[in-house]
Amino acid sequence: MSKATKIRARFKDGLVEFRMLMLHEMETGRRKDVKTGDIIPAWFIKSFEIFLNSESILIGQLGPTVSKNPYFRCRFRGSVGDNIKVQWKDNLGNSRIDEGEVVG
């Protein structure tokens, strides 16, 4: 299993400035292992969803062309103390859920 998604959410100028770093290897399925010459199987995040206080506010889909450890940034309406939850699923059936809080 991968490490926890790094979540940062700060209330500034009336909006929440949100950043997340999803720690995942993101293999395309086209790269070869340098030692064996075998193709490294595809392994990538297929979808993610961001929730604010249990309400879905953003849904995204990714594919094998996205680089290792995808980083996303966006702004949305919210308040200090709001709960943020991020969940993602990859093409091998792995999933992860991480939470954070909006700070001032």
N, C-alpha and C. Protein backbone atom coordinates (compact mmCIF):
# COMPACT_ATOMS: atom_id res chain seq x y z
N MET A 1 0.85 -1.17 0.00
CA MET A 1 0.00 0.00 0.00
C MET A 1 0.89 1.24 0.00
N SER A 2 0.40 2.28 -0.57
CA SER A 2 1.17 3.51 -0.68
C SER A 2 1.11 4.31 0.62
N LYS A 3 1.93 5.33 0.67
CA LYS A 3 1.94 6.24 1.82
C LYS A 3 0.73 7.18 1.74
N ALA A 4 0.46 7.84 2.85
CA ALA A 4 -0.71 8.74 2.94
C ALA A 4 -0.61 9.90 1.95
N THR A 5 -1.74 10.28 1.41
CA THR A 5 -1.84 11.45 0.55
C THR A 5 -1.55 12.69 1.39
N LYS A 6 -0.68 13.54 0.91
CA LYS A 6 -0.37 14.78 1.62
C LYS A 6 -1.43 15.81 1.25
N ILE A 7 -2.14 16.30 2.24
CA ILE A 7 -3.24 17.24 2.03
C ILE A 7 -2.92 18.55 2.75
N ARG A 8 -3.07 19.66 2.02
CA ARG A 8 -2.91 20.99 2.62
C ARG A 8 -4.11 21.82 2.20
N ALA A 9 -4.79 22.42 3.16
CA ALA A 9 -5.95 23.26 2.86
C ALA A 9 -5.91 24.47 3.79
N ARG A 10 -5.82 25.64 3.19
CA ARG A 10 -5.71 26.88 3.96
C ARG A 10 -6.78 27.85 3.49
N PHE A 11 -7.51 28.44 4.45
CA PHE A 11 -8.51 29.45 4.15
C PHE A 11 -7.81 30.78 3.96
N LYS A 12 -7.99 31.38 2.77
CA LYS A 12 -7.32 32.64 2.46
C LYS A 12 -8.17 33.44 1.48
N ASP A 13 -8.38 34.70 1.76
CA ASP A 13 -9.13 35.60 0.88
C ASP A 13 -10.51 35.06 0.50
N GLY A 14 -11.18 34.42 1.46
CA GLY A 14 -12.54 33.94 1.25
C GLY A 14 -12.66 32.60 0.55
N LEU A 15 -11.53 31.97 0.21
CA LEU A 15 -11.55 30.66 -0.45
C LEU A 15 -10.59 29.71 0.25
N VAL A 16 -10.80 28.42 0.03
CA VAL A 16 -9.88 27.41 0.52
C VAL A 16 -8.89 27.12 -0.59
N GLU A 17 -7.61 27.30 -0.31
CA GLU A 17 -6.55 26.94 -1.24
C GLU A 17 -6.15 25.51 -0.90
N PHE A 18 -6.44 24.59 -1.80
CA PHE A 18 -6.27 23.16 -1.55
C PHE A 18 -5.13 22.61 -2.40
N ARG A 19 -4.30 21.79 -1.77
CA ARG A 19 -3.22 21.10 -2.48
C ARG A 19 -3.15 19.67 -1.98
N MET A 20 -2.86 18.74 -2.89
CA MET A 20 -2.66 17.36 -2.46
C MET A 20 -1.59 16.71 -3.32
N LEU A 21 -0.86 15.80 -2.70
CA LEU A 21 0.17 15.02 -3.36
C LEU A 21 -0.17 13.56 -3.10
N MET A 22 -0.58 12.85 -4.16
CA MET A 22 -0.92 11.43 -4.03
C MET A 22 0.35 10.62 -4.29
N LEU A 23 0.83 9.93 -3.29
CA LEU A 23 2.08 9.18 -3.41
C LEU A 23 1.81 7.82 -4.05
N HIS A 24 2.17 7.71 -5.33
CA HIS A 24 1.89 6.50 -6.11
C HIS A 24 2.93 6.40 -7.24
N GLU A 25 3.38 5.19 -7.55
CA GLU A 25 4.43 4.99 -8.56
C GLU A 25 4.00 5.32 -9.98
N MET A 26 2.74 5.10 -10.34
CA MET A 26 2.19 5.46 -11.65
C MET A 26 3.01 4.88 -12.82
N GLU A 27 2.98 3.57 -12.98
CA GLU A 27 3.65 2.90 -14.09
C GLU A 27 2.75 2.88 -15.33
N THR A 28 3.33 3.12 -16.50
CA THR A 28 2.56 3.19 -17.74
C THR A 28 2.27 1.82 -18.35
N GLY A 29 3.08 0.83 -18.03
CA GLY A 29 2.94 -0.48 -18.66
C GLY A 29 3.75 -0.58 -19.94
N ARG A 30 4.58 0.41 -20.21
CA ARG A 30 5.39 0.44 -21.44
C ARG A 30 6.90 0.47 -21.13
N ARG A 31 7.23 0.59 -19.87
CA ARG A 31 8.64 0.69 -19.49
C ARG A 31 9.21 -0.70 -19.22
N LYS A 32 10.49 -0.90 -19.52
CA LYS A 32 11.14 -2.19 -19.28
C LYS A 32 12.01 -2.13 -18.03
N ASP A 33 12.06 -3.25 -17.34
CA ASP A 33 12.97 -3.41 -16.20
C ASP A 33 14.38 -3.49 -16.77
N VAL A 34 15.30 -2.65 -16.29
CA VAL A 34 16.65 -2.60 -16.86
C VAL A 34 17.44 -3.88 -16.59
N LYS A 35 17.13 -4.59 -15.53
CA LYS A 35 17.88 -5.81 -15.20
C LYS A 35 17.39 -7.02 -15.99
N THR A 36 16.08 -7.19 -16.11
CA THR A 36 15.52 -8.38 -16.75
C THR A 36 15.05 -8.14 -18.18
N GLY A 37 14.75 -6.91 -18.53
CA GLY A 37 14.22 -6.60 -19.84
C GLY A 37 12.72 -6.82 -19.96
N ASP A 38 12.10 -7.28 -18.87
CA ASP A 38 10.65 -7.51 -18.87
C ASP A 38 9.89 -6.19 -18.77
N ILE A 39 8.71 -6.16 -19.38
CA ILE A 39 7.83 -4.98 -19.28
C ILE A 39 7.30 -4.88 -17.86
N ILE A 40 7.37 -3.68 -17.29
CA ILE A 40 6.80 -3.43 -15.96
C ILE A 40 5.30 -3.22 -16.15
N PRO A 41 4.47 -4.01 -15.46
CA PRO A 41 3.02 -3.90 -15.66
C PRO A 41 2.47 -2.51 -15.31
N ALA A 42 1.41 -2.13 -16.00
CA ALA A 42 0.75 -0.84 -15.73
C ALA A 42 0.21 -0.83 -14.31
N TRP A 43 0.39 0.31 -13.65
CA TRP A 43 -0.10 0.49 -12.28
C TRP A 43 -0.28 1.99 -12.08
N PHE A 44 -1.51 2.45 -12.11
CA PHE A 44 -1.75 3.89 -12.06
C PHE A 44 -3.10 4.18 -11.39
N ILE A 45 -3.21 5.39 -10.86
CA ILE A 45 -4.47 5.84 -10.26
C ILE A 45 -5.47 6.07 -11.38
N LYS A 46 -6.64 5.44 -11.25
CA LYS A 46 -7.70 5.59 -12.27
C LYS A 46 -8.63 6.74 -11.93
N SER A 47 -8.96 6.89 -10.65
CA SER A 47 -9.93 7.93 -10.29
C SER A 47 -9.66 8.43 -8.88
N PHE A 48 -10.07 9.67 -8.64
CA PHE A 48 -9.98 10.23 -7.30
C PHE A 48 -11.20 11.11 -7.07
N GLU A 49 -11.49 11.34 -5.78
CA GLU A 49 -12.62 12.19 -5.42
C GLU A 49 -12.26 12.97 -4.17
N ILE A 50 -12.67 14.23 -4.15
CA ILE A 50 -12.42 15.10 -3.00
C ILE A 50 -13.77 15.46 -2.38
N PHE A 51 -13.85 15.33 -1.07
CA PHE A 51 -15.07 15.63 -0.32
C PHE A 51 -14.80 16.77 0.65
N LEU A 52 -15.76 17.66 0.79
CA LEU A 52 -15.73 18.73 1.79
C LEU A 52 -16.92 18.50 2.70
N ASN A 53 -16.65 18.19 3.97
CA ASN A 53 -17.71 17.87 4.94
C ASN A 53 -18.67 16.83 4.39
N SER A 54 -18.14 15.74 3.85
CA SER A 54 -18.88 14.59 3.32
C SER A 54 -19.61 14.86 2.00
N GLU A 55 -19.46 16.04 1.42
CA GLU A 55 -20.08 16.35 0.13
C GLU A 55 -19.02 16.32 -0.96
N SER A 56 -19.27 15.55 -2.01
CA SER A 56 -18.32 15.45 -3.11
C SER A 56 -18.22 16.80 -3.82
N ILE A 57 -16.99 17.32 -3.96
CA ILE A 57 -16.81 18.61 -4.63
C ILE A 57 -15.97 18.50 -5.90
N LEU A 58 -15.25 17.38 -6.08
CA LEU A 58 -14.44 17.23 -7.27
C LEU A 58 -14.20 15.74 -7.53
N ILE A 59 -14.43 15.33 -8.78
CA ILE A 59 -14.16 13.96 -9.21
C ILE A 59 -13.21 14.05 -10.39
N GLY A 60 -12.16 13.23 -10.36
CA GLY A 60 -11.19 13.25 -11.45
C GLY A 60 -10.84 11.86 -11.90
N GLN A 61 -10.44 11.74 -13.17
CA GLN A 61 -9.98 10.48 -13.71
C GLN A 61 -8.59 10.68 -14.28
N LEU A 62 -7.72 9.71 -14.00
CA LEU A 62 -6.34 9.76 -14.47
C LEU A 62 -6.06 8.55 -15.34
N GLY A 63 -4.90 8.53 -15.93
CA GLY A 63 -4.50 7.40 -16.76
C GLY A 63 -3.01 7.13 -16.63
N PRO A 64 -2.50 6.24 -17.44
CA PRO A 64 -1.10 5.83 -17.32
C PRO A 64 -0.08 6.89 -17.72
N THR A 65 -0.51 7.96 -18.35
CA THR A 65 0.45 8.98 -18.80
C THR A 65 0.77 10.02 -17.73
N VAL A 66 0.09 9.97 -16.60
CA VAL A 66 0.35 10.92 -15.51
C VAL A 66 1.60 10.48 -14.75
N SER A 67 2.46 11.43 -14.41
CA SER A 67 3.73 11.11 -13.77
C SER A 67 3.57 10.61 -12.34
N LYS A 68 4.63 10.06 -11.83
CA LYS A 68 4.70 9.55 -10.46
C LYS A 68 4.31 10.64 -9.47
N ASN A 69 3.60 10.26 -8.41
CA ASN A 69 3.18 11.16 -7.34
C ASN A 69 2.41 12.38 -7.85
N PRO A 70 1.21 12.16 -8.41
CA PRO A 70 0.43 13.28 -8.95
C PRO A 70 0.15 14.37 -7.90
N TYR A 71 0.27 15.62 -8.33
CA TYR A 71 0.04 16.79 -7.49
C TYR A 71 -1.13 17.57 -8.09
N PHE A 72 -2.08 17.94 -7.24
CA PHE A 72 -3.23 18.74 -7.69
C PHE A 72 -3.41 19.94 -6.78
N ARG A 73 -3.90 21.01 -7.39
CA ARG A 73 -4.15 22.25 -6.65
C ARG A 73 -5.43 22.87 -7.18
N CYS A 74 -6.27 23.35 -6.29
CA CYS A 74 -7.49 24.03 -6.70
C CYS A 74 -7.98 24.93 -5.57
N ARG A 75 -9.00 25.71 -5.85
CA ARG A 75 -9.62 26.58 -4.85
C ARG A 75 -11.12 26.32 -4.85
N PHE A 76 -11.70 26.44 -3.68
CA PHE A 76 -13.15 26.26 -3.56
C PHE A 76 -13.64 26.98 -2.31
N ARG A 77 -14.94 27.12 -2.21
CA ARG A 77 -15.53 27.78 -1.04
C ARG A 77 -15.57 26.82 0.13
N GLY A 78 -15.24 27.34 1.29
CA GLY A 78 -15.24 26.56 2.51
C GLY A 78 -14.92 27.46 3.68
N SER A 79 -14.67 26.85 4.83
CA SER A 79 -14.38 27.61 6.05
C SER A 79 -13.31 26.91 6.87
N VAL A 80 -12.70 27.66 7.76
CA VAL A 80 -11.74 27.09 8.70
C VAL A 80 -12.44 26.01 9.51
N GLY A 81 -11.79 24.86 9.67
CA GLY A 81 -12.35 23.75 10.43
C GLY A 81 -13.10 22.73 9.60
N ASP A 82 -13.38 23.05 8.33
CA ASP A 82 -14.06 22.08 7.46
C ASP A 82 -13.20 20.84 7.29
N ASN A 83 -13.85 19.69 7.18
CA ASN A 83 -13.17 18.42 6.97
C ASN A 83 -13.02 18.16 5.47
N ILE A 84 -11.83 17.71 5.07
CA ILE A 84 -11.58 17.35 3.68
C ILE A 84 -11.17 15.89 3.64
N LYS A 85 -11.78 15.15 2.74
CA LYS A 85 -11.44 13.74 2.56
C LYS A 85 -11.09 13.53 1.10
N VAL A 86 -10.01 12.78 0.86
CA VAL A 86 -9.57 12.44 -0.49
C VAL A 86 -9.54 10.93 -0.59
N GLN A 87 -10.13 10.40 -1.66
CA GLN A 87 -10.03 8.96 -1.88
C GLN A 87 -9.64 8.72 -3.34
N TRP A 88 -8.86 7.66 -3.56
CA TRP A 88 -8.48 7.30 -4.91
C TRP A 88 -8.47 5.79 -5.08
N LYS A 89 -8.56 5.35 -6.34
CA LYS A 89 -8.52 3.92 -6.68
C LYS A 89 -7.58 3.76 -7.86
N ASP A 90 -6.81 2.66 -7.86
CA ASP A 90 -5.92 2.43 -9.00
C ASP A 90 -6.42 1.26 -9.85
N ASN A 91 -5.72 1.01 -10.96
CA ASN A 91 -6.16 -0.01 -11.91
C ASN A 91 -5.99 -1.44 -11.39
N LEU A 92 -5.30 -1.63 -10.28
CA LEU A 92 -5.13 -2.96 -9.70
C LEU A 92 -6.11 -3.22 -8.56
N GLY A 93 -7.00 -2.27 -8.31
CA GLY A 93 -8.01 -2.44 -7.27
C GLY A 93 -7.62 -1.88 -5.91
N ASN A 94 -6.42 -1.33 -5.79
CA ASN A 94 -6.00 -0.70 -4.53
C ASN A 94 -6.74 0.62 -4.37
N SER A 95 -6.98 1.00 -3.12
CA SER A 95 -7.62 2.29 -2.87
C SER A 95 -7.04 2.88 -1.59
N ARG A 96 -7.28 4.15 -1.42
CA ARG A 96 -6.77 4.84 -0.24
C ARG A 96 -7.71 5.98 0.08
N ILE A 97 -7.91 6.24 1.39
CA ILE A 97 -8.70 7.37 1.86
C ILE A 97 -7.87 8.11 2.91
N ASP A 98 -7.74 9.41 2.74
CA ASP A 98 -7.02 10.25 3.69
C ASP A 98 -7.85 11.50 3.98
N GLU A 99 -7.66 12.05 5.18
CA GLU A 99 -8.43 13.22 5.59
C GLU A 99 -7.54 14.33 6.11
N GLY A 100 -8.07 15.56 6.04
CA GLY A 100 -7.40 16.73 6.55
C GLY A 100 -8.43 17.75 6.98
N GLU A 101 -7.94 18.89 7.42
CA GLU A 101 -8.82 19.95 7.91
C GLU A 101 -8.35 21.29 7.36
N VAL A 102 -9.32 22.15 7.05
CA VAL A 102 -9.00 23.50 6.56
C VAL A 102 -8.50 24.31 7.75
N VAL A 103 -7.32 24.92 7.57
CA VAL A 103 -6.75 25.76 8.62
C VAL A 103 -6.81 27.22 8.20
N GLY A 104 -6.67 28.12 9.18
CA GLY A 104 -6.74 29.55 8.89
C GLY A 104 -5.44 30.19 8.60
